[in-house]
Amino acid sequence: MIDEEILAKRREEMVTSQIFQRGIRDPRLLQALREIPRHCFLPKNLSEQAYQDGALPIGLGQTISQPYIVAVMTDLLQLSGSETVLEIGTGSGYQAAVLSRMAAQVHSVEVIPALAETAAETLCRLGIGNVQVHLGDGSAIGWQPGAPYAGILVTAAAPAVPAGLLEQLAAGGRLILPVGGNGGQELQRWTRGPDGFHLENLFPVSFVPLRGEAGWSSGDWTVRPSSF
């Protein structure tokens, strides 16, 4: 068992060297990353690696994203704290925990039962009460009961932006997701404006495939779709 003081020091070093020095300046986001114990969202044998600069496996072919990617995707939503947001792909629950400090309400949808259960238990144990984890395929239809959303995050790579998720954005809302296949992906931001949706292609990323109705099947994950 690693001493909590040591873990807190590593967490602070993570925020300084991996997040702040790469240009993230939102004080609420930086504070959230300082306080949320990333190691609690990992298998115990990986606790010592929790604050390293990279993604880590959480089992069942899934990963917890690199801390910087969690930070930058959250930052791109430009949240003020009063919003309701949606996450597709709960995974470990860490991204949802960060969002819980940035928004009023978080709905997170996970298609793998074991991950949904573990994430919900971890969030509850940490006293994070404004995140609801839902079991199901949110790839195409999101989570309609909570819509519309000021922000939507998709934490796995989609072949294309799901139209059903765009429709669940509130006016001025933003959808952040990686689009592409195993050969390469681009992080995109879609904003709902008065005249439709505005797309920004941001930078290359590497995520596990989105599974479900609007995601990739195992057989075609090696194919990269046409770029937008």
Protein backbone atom coordinates (compact mmCIF):
# COMPACT_ATOMS: atom_id res chain seq x y z
CA MET A 1 0.00 0.00 0.00
CA ILE A 2 1.44 3.38 -1.03
CA ASP A 3 1.28 6.19 1.48
CA GLU A 4 -1.50 8.69 0.68
CA GLU A 5 0.91 11.57 1.23
CA ILE A 6 3.21 10.22 -1.47
CA LEU A 7 0.28 9.76 -3.84
CA ALA A 8 -0.90 13.33 -3.19
CA LYS A 9 2.60 14.62 -3.99
CA ARG A 10 2.66 12.63 -7.24
CA ARG A 11 -0.77 13.99 -8.11
CA GLU A 12 0.43 17.56 -7.62
CA GLU A 13 3.46 16.85 -9.79
CA MET A 14 1.14 15.42 -12.45
CA VAL A 15 -0.94 18.60 -12.49
CA THR A 16 2.12 20.85 -12.68
CA SER A 17 4.18 18.99 -15.27
CA GLN A 18 1.55 17.24 -17.40
CA ILE A 19 -1.39 19.67 -17.28
CA PHE A 20 -0.43 23.23 -16.34
CA GLN A 21 2.81 23.27 -18.33
CA ARG A 22 0.88 22.09 -21.41
CA GLY A 23 -1.41 25.10 -21.30
CA ILE A 24 -4.45 24.13 -19.21
CA ARG A 25 -5.25 27.14 -17.02
CA ASP A 26 -8.83 26.71 -15.73
CA PRO A 27 -8.40 26.92 -11.94
CA ARG A 28 -11.44 24.74 -11.20
CA LEU A 29 -10.17 22.01 -13.50
CA LEU A 30 -6.66 22.13 -12.06
CA GLN A 31 -8.09 21.88 -8.55
CA ALA A 32 -10.28 18.93 -9.53
CA LEU A 33 -7.25 17.08 -10.90
CA ARG A 34 -5.31 17.86 -7.70
CA GLU A 35 -8.04 16.45 -5.49
CA ILE A 36 -9.51 13.46 -7.35
CA PRO A 37 -7.47 10.33 -6.53
CA ARG A 38 -6.80 8.77 -9.95
CA HIS A 39 -5.25 5.73 -8.28
CA CYS A 40 -8.65 4.80 -6.84
CA PHE A 41 -9.95 4.22 -10.39
CA LEU A 42 -7.22 1.71 -11.27
CA PRO A 43 -6.56 -1.93 -10.43
CA LYS A 44 -4.55 -2.01 -7.19
CA ASN A 45 -1.47 -3.44 -8.91
CA LEU A 46 -1.27 -0.26 -11.04
CA SER A 47 -1.60 2.28 -8.20
CA GLU A 48 2.08 3.20 -8.37
CA GLN A 49 1.68 4.14 -12.04
CA ALA A 50 -1.49 6.20 -11.53
CA TYR A 51 0.14 9.61 -12.03
CA GLN A 52 2.39 8.76 -14.93
CA ASP A 53 1.95 10.52 -18.26
CA GLY A 54 0.00 7.88 -20.16
CA ALA A 55 -3.06 5.69 -20.50
CA LEU A 56 -3.33 2.50 -18.42
CA PRO A 57 -5.32 -0.73 -18.80
CA ILE A 58 -8.36 -1.27 -16.58
CA GLY A 59 -9.32 -4.70 -17.91
CA LEU A 60 -11.79 -6.01 -20.49
CA GLY A 61 -9.79 -4.37 -23.28
CA GLN A 62 -10.41 -0.86 -21.93
CA THR A 63 -8.13 1.90 -20.63
CA ILE A 64 -8.11 4.94 -18.39
CA SER A 65 -7.06 7.88 -20.54
CA GLN A 66 -3.82 9.83 -20.17
CA PRO A 67 -4.33 12.60 -17.55
CA TYR A 68 -3.65 15.34 -20.11
CA ILE A 69 -6.31 13.95 -22.48
CA VAL A 70 -8.84 13.88 -19.63
CA ALA A 71 -7.93 17.48 -18.83
CA VAL A 72 -8.00 18.82 -22.39
CA MET A 73 -11.30 17.12 -23.30
CA THR A 74 -12.87 18.54 -20.16
CA ASP A 75 -11.41 21.98 -20.85
CA LEU A 76 -12.81 21.97 -24.41
CA LEU A 77 -16.36 21.78 -23.01
CA GLN A 78 -15.88 25.25 -21.44
CA LEU A 79 -18.13 24.50 -18.47
CA SER A 80 -19.12 27.10 -15.89
CA GLY A 81 -20.43 24.71 -13.23
CA SER A 82 -24.20 24.93 -13.66
CA GLU A 83 -24.56 22.52 -16.60
CA THR A 84 -25.81 18.99 -17.13
CA VAL A 85 -23.34 16.93 -19.16
CA LEU A 86 -23.26 13.48 -20.74
CA GLU A 87 -20.38 11.03 -21.01
CA ILE A 88 -20.46 8.05 -23.35
CA GLY A 89 -18.07 5.38 -22.06
CA THR A 90 -17.77 5.48 -18.28
CA GLY A 91 -14.81 3.10 -18.19
CA SER A 92 -13.08 3.47 -14.83
CA GLY A 93 -15.21 6.46 -13.82
CA TYR A 94 -12.26 8.86 -13.57
CA GLN A 95 -13.39 11.18 -16.37
CA ALA A 96 -16.86 11.30 -14.83
CA ALA A 97 -15.31 12.20 -11.47
CA VAL A 98 -13.44 15.12 -13.06
CA LEU A 99 -16.63 16.25 -14.79
CA SER A 100 -18.45 16.11 -11.44
CA ARG A 101 -16.33 19.04 -10.25
CA MET A 102 -16.98 21.05 -13.40
CA ALA A 103 -20.76 20.60 -13.89
CA ALA A 104 -23.90 20.37 -11.77
CA GLN A 105 -25.01 16.96 -13.05
CA VAL A 106 -23.25 14.19 -14.96
CA HIS A 107 -24.91 11.27 -16.75
CA SER A 108 -22.43 8.58 -17.82
CA VAL A 109 -23.38 5.59 -19.97
CA GLU A 110 -21.33 2.36 -20.07
CA VAL A 111 -22.02 -0.68 -22.24
CA ILE A 112 -19.88 -3.16 -20.26
CA PRO A 113 -21.72 -4.26 -17.08
CA ALA A 114 -18.63 -4.99 -14.97
CA LEU A 115 -17.13 -1.56 -15.71
CA ALA A 116 -20.40 0.25 -15.00
CA GLU A 117 -20.71 -1.52 -11.64
CA THR A 118 -17.12 -0.90 -10.57
CA ALA A 119 -17.18 2.76 -11.63
CA ALA A 120 -20.44 3.40 -9.78
CA GLU A 121 -19.03 1.77 -6.64
CA THR A 122 -15.84 3.84 -6.81
CA LEU A 123 -17.72 7.10 -7.32
CA CYS A 124 -20.02 6.27 -4.40
CA ARG A 125 -17.09 5.35 -2.14
CA LEU A 126 -15.48 8.72 -2.90
CA GLY A 127 -18.70 10.57 -2.06
CA ILE A 128 -19.29 11.84 -5.60
CA GLY A 129 -23.06 12.19 -5.65
CA ASN A 130 -23.78 14.18 -8.80
CA VAL A 131 -22.80 11.41 -11.25
CA GLN A 132 -25.33 8.84 -12.40
CA VAL A 133 -23.90 5.77 -14.15
CA HIS A 134 -26.28 4.08 -16.59
CA LEU A 135 -25.75 0.65 -18.10
CA GLY A 136 -26.54 0.52 -21.81
CA ASP A 137 -25.49 1.34 -25.35
CA GLY A 138 -25.31 5.12 -25.49
CA SER A 139 -23.27 5.25 -28.70
CA ALA A 140 -26.20 6.23 -30.92
CA ILE A 141 -28.91 7.46 -28.57
CA GLY A 142 -26.99 8.88 -25.60
CA TRP A 143 -29.19 9.20 -22.52
CA GLN A 144 -32.46 10.81 -23.55
CA PRO A 145 -33.97 11.34 -20.05
CA GLY A 146 -31.26 13.87 -19.17
CA ALA A 147 -31.22 15.78 -22.47
CA PRO A 148 -30.54 18.41 -23.64
CA TYR A 149 -26.89 18.63 -22.56
CA ALA A 150 -24.56 21.61 -22.44
CA GLY A 151 -21.68 19.20 -23.04
CA ILE A 152 -21.17 15.65 -24.27
CA LEU A 153 -17.92 13.67 -24.09
CA VAL A 154 -17.35 10.41 -25.96
CA THR A 155 -14.35 8.54 -24.53
CA ALA A 156 -13.84 6.01 -27.35
CA ALA A 157 -13.22 6.39 -31.08
CA ALA A 158 -16.30 6.50 -33.31
CA PRO A 159 -16.40 5.86 -37.08
CA ALA A 160 -18.29 9.17 -37.44
CA VAL A 161 -20.08 11.60 -35.17
CA PRO A 162 -23.38 9.98 -34.04
CA ALA A 163 -26.31 12.11 -35.21
CA GLY A 164 -28.31 11.11 -32.14
CA LEU A 165 -25.73 12.66 -29.83
CA LEU A 166 -25.66 15.91 -31.79
CA GLU A 167 -29.42 16.13 -31.42
CA GLN A 168 -29.09 15.90 -27.62
CA LEU A 169 -26.93 19.03 -27.47
CA ALA A 170 -28.52 22.16 -26.07
CA ALA A 171 -28.17 25.44 -27.96
CA GLY A 172 -24.53 26.45 -27.63
CA GLY A 173 -23.63 22.98 -26.39
CA ARG A 174 -20.40 21.20 -27.30
CA LEU A 175 -19.70 17.57 -28.21
CA ILE A 176 -16.10 16.33 -27.89
CA LEU A 177 -15.14 12.96 -29.41
CA PRO A 178 -12.37 11.10 -31.22
CA VAL A 179 -13.28 10.07 -34.77
CA GLY A 180 -11.32 7.47 -36.72
CA GLY A 181 -10.17 3.88 -36.71
CA ASN A 182 -7.22 1.83 -35.58
CA GLY A 183 -5.00 3.57 -38.12
CA GLY A 184 -5.54 7.05 -36.70
CA GLN A 185 -8.07 9.33 -35.04
CA GLU A 186 -8.78 13.04 -34.79
CA LEU A 187 -10.24 14.76 -31.74
CA GLN A 188 -13.25 16.80 -32.83
CA ARG A 189 -15.41 19.47 -31.23
CA TRP A 190 -18.94 20.01 -32.51
CA THR A 191 -20.81 23.13 -31.34
CA ARG A 192 -24.54 23.64 -31.79
CA GLY A 193 -25.17 27.14 -33.09
CA PRO A 194 -28.29 28.98 -34.30
CA ASP A 195 -27.64 27.87 -37.88
CA GLY A 196 -26.60 24.26 -37.25
CA PHE A 197 -23.46 22.48 -36.10
CA HIS A 198 -19.91 23.80 -36.35
CA LEU A 199 -17.04 21.28 -36.55
CA GLU A 200 -13.45 21.83 -35.39
CA ASN A 201 -10.81 19.17 -36.08
CA LEU A 202 -8.33 19.59 -33.23
CA PHE A 203 -5.41 17.13 -33.08
CA PRO A 204 -4.53 13.43 -33.50
CA VAL A 205 -5.38 11.07 -30.62
CA SER A 206 -5.43 7.35 -29.87
CA PHE A 207 -8.46 5.75 -28.19
CA VAL A 208 -9.99 2.30 -27.89
CA PRO A 209 -12.90 1.71 -30.30
CA LEU A 210 -16.42 2.83 -29.49
CA ARG A 211 -18.66 -0.24 -29.26
CA GLY A 212 -22.38 -0.35 -29.91
CA GLU A 213 -24.84 0.66 -32.59
CA ALA A 214 -22.88 3.78 -33.65
CA GLY A 215 -19.47 2.27 -32.94
CA TRP A 216 -17.02 -0.13 -34.53
CA SER A 217 -17.45 -3.88 -34.89
CA SER A 218 -14.41 -6.06 -34.22
CA GLY A 219 -13.98 -6.89 -37.92
CA ASP A 220 -13.81 -3.35 -39.30
CA TRP A 221 -11.76 -1.61 -36.56
CA THR A 222 -8.70 -1.62 -38.84
CA VAL A 223 -10.43 0.59 -41.43
CA ARG A 224 -10.21 4.35 -41.08
CA PRO A 225 -13.25 6.32 -42.32
CA SER A 226 -13.06 9.33 -44.59
CA SER A 227 -12.11 12.52 -42.77
CA PHE A 228 -14.63 15.31 -42.25
